[in-house]
N, C-alpha and C. Protein backbone atom coordinates (compact mmCIF):
# COMPACT_ATOMS: atom_id res chain seq x y z
N MET A 1 0.82 -1.20 0.00
CA MET A 1 0.00 0.00 0.00
C MET A 1 0.86 1.26 0.00
N GLY A 2 2.05 1.23 0.51
CA GLY A 2 2.90 2.40 0.60
C GLY A 2 3.37 2.90 -0.76
N ASP A 3 3.42 2.00 -1.77
CA ASP A 3 3.88 2.37 -3.10
C ASP A 3 2.74 2.78 -4.04
N MET A 4 1.52 2.74 -3.56
CA MET A 4 0.38 3.07 -4.42
C MET A 4 0.19 4.59 -4.51
N LEU A 5 -0.31 5.03 -5.64
CA LEU A 5 -0.55 6.44 -5.91
C LEU A 5 -2.03 6.75 -5.70
N ALA A 6 -2.30 7.85 -5.03
CA ALA A 6 -3.68 8.29 -4.81
C ALA A 6 -3.97 9.47 -5.74
N ILE A 7 -5.07 9.39 -6.49
CA ILE A 7 -5.46 10.44 -7.43
C ILE A 7 -6.86 10.93 -7.07
N ALA A 8 -7.01 12.24 -6.96
CA ALA A 8 -8.34 12.80 -6.71
C ALA A 8 -9.13 12.77 -8.02
N LEU A 9 -10.26 12.08 -8.03
CA LEU A 9 -11.05 11.94 -9.24
C LEU A 9 -12.11 13.02 -9.38
N TYR A 10 -12.42 13.70 -8.31
CA TYR A 10 -13.48 14.70 -8.34
C TYR A 10 -13.09 15.88 -7.48
N ASP A 11 -13.18 17.05 -8.04
CA ASP A 11 -12.90 18.27 -7.29
C ASP A 11 -13.99 19.27 -7.64
N TYR A 12 -14.76 19.71 -6.66
CA TYR A 12 -15.91 20.57 -6.89
C TYR A 12 -15.46 22.02 -6.94
N VAL A 13 -15.76 22.67 -8.05
CA VAL A 13 -15.43 24.08 -8.23
C VAL A 13 -16.67 24.78 -8.75
N SER A 14 -16.94 25.96 -8.23
CA SER A 14 -18.08 26.73 -8.66
C SER A 14 -17.63 28.14 -8.99
N ARG A 15 -18.04 28.64 -10.16
CA ARG A 15 -17.70 30.00 -10.54
C ARG A 15 -18.95 30.69 -11.03
N HIS A 16 -19.12 31.92 -10.62
CA HIS A 16 -20.27 32.72 -11.03
C HIS A 16 -19.77 34.05 -11.55
N LEU A 17 -20.24 34.42 -12.72
CA LEU A 17 -19.92 35.71 -13.29
C LEU A 17 -21.15 36.59 -13.11
N VAL A 18 -21.07 37.54 -12.19
CA VAL A 18 -22.22 38.37 -11.83
C VAL A 18 -21.84 39.83 -12.01
N LYS A 19 -22.69 40.56 -12.71
CA LYS A 19 -22.47 41.99 -12.94
C LYS A 19 -22.52 42.74 -11.61
N ALA A 20 -21.77 43.83 -11.51
CA ALA A 20 -21.66 44.58 -10.26
C ALA A 20 -22.99 45.15 -9.78
N GLY A 21 -23.92 45.48 -10.66
CA GLY A 21 -25.18 46.09 -10.26
C GLY A 21 -26.30 45.10 -10.00
N MET A 22 -25.98 43.83 -9.78
CA MET A 22 -27.02 42.81 -9.56
C MET A 22 -27.43 42.78 -8.08
N ARG A 23 -28.73 42.66 -7.87
CA ARG A 23 -29.27 42.45 -6.53
C ARG A 23 -29.83 41.03 -6.48
N GLY A 24 -29.83 40.45 -5.31
CA GLY A 24 -30.43 39.14 -5.12
C GLY A 24 -29.49 37.97 -5.31
N PHE A 25 -28.22 38.22 -5.58
CA PHE A 25 -27.25 37.13 -5.69
C PHE A 25 -26.52 37.00 -4.36
N TYR A 26 -26.75 35.90 -3.68
CA TYR A 26 -26.11 35.63 -2.41
C TYR A 26 -25.47 34.25 -2.47
N PRO A 27 -24.15 34.17 -2.60
CA PRO A 27 -23.49 32.87 -2.64
C PRO A 27 -23.68 32.14 -1.31
N ASN A 28 -23.85 30.83 -1.36
CA ASN A 28 -24.05 30.05 -0.15
C ASN A 28 -23.33 28.71 -0.26
N VAL A 29 -23.34 27.96 0.80
CA VAL A 29 -22.61 26.70 0.88
C VAL A 29 -23.16 25.67 -0.10
N ARG A 30 -24.46 25.60 -0.28
CA ARG A 30 -25.07 24.61 -1.16
C ARG A 30 -25.05 25.02 -2.62
N ASP A 31 -24.57 26.24 -2.94
CA ASP A 31 -24.47 26.76 -4.30
C ASP A 31 -25.83 26.84 -4.98
N ASN A 32 -26.86 27.19 -4.22
CA ASN A 32 -28.19 27.41 -4.76
C ASN A 32 -28.38 28.90 -5.00
N CYS A 33 -28.15 29.33 -6.21
CA CYS A 33 -28.30 30.74 -6.57
C CYS A 33 -29.39 30.82 -7.64
N LEU A 34 -30.60 31.11 -7.22
CA LEU A 34 -31.73 31.12 -8.14
C LEU A 34 -31.81 32.45 -8.88
N SER A 35 -31.93 32.39 -10.18
CA SER A 35 -31.97 33.60 -10.98
C SER A 35 -33.29 34.35 -10.82
N ARG A 36 -34.32 33.69 -10.32
CA ARG A 36 -35.59 34.39 -10.15
C ARG A 36 -35.53 35.44 -9.04
N HIS A 37 -34.52 35.34 -8.17
CA HIS A 37 -34.35 36.33 -7.11
C HIS A 37 -33.42 37.46 -7.51
N MET A 38 -32.79 37.34 -8.69
CA MET A 38 -31.85 38.36 -9.13
C MET A 38 -32.55 39.45 -9.93
N ASP A 39 -32.03 40.66 -9.80
CA ASP A 39 -32.60 41.81 -10.48
C ASP A 39 -31.49 42.82 -10.70
N LEU A 40 -31.59 43.59 -11.79
CA LEU A 40 -30.64 44.67 -12.03
C LEU A 40 -30.99 45.88 -11.18
N ASP A 41 -29.99 46.50 -10.62
CA ASP A 41 -30.19 47.70 -9.83
C ASP A 41 -30.51 48.86 -10.77
N SER A 42 -31.62 49.55 -10.59
CA SER A 42 -32.06 50.60 -11.51
C SER A 42 -31.49 51.97 -11.18
N ASP A 43 -30.65 52.07 -10.14
CA ASP A 43 -30.09 53.37 -9.76
C ASP A 43 -29.01 53.81 -10.69
């Protein structure tokens, strides 16, 4: 067992490209970011 190689087969990565004026985007641990809660800031 000491000579065996261990390889990670799965690595979870999450990336979100969100415009600076977006409201309603809140990153969380479960990565549930629903677009129905997002809105553009009208200011």
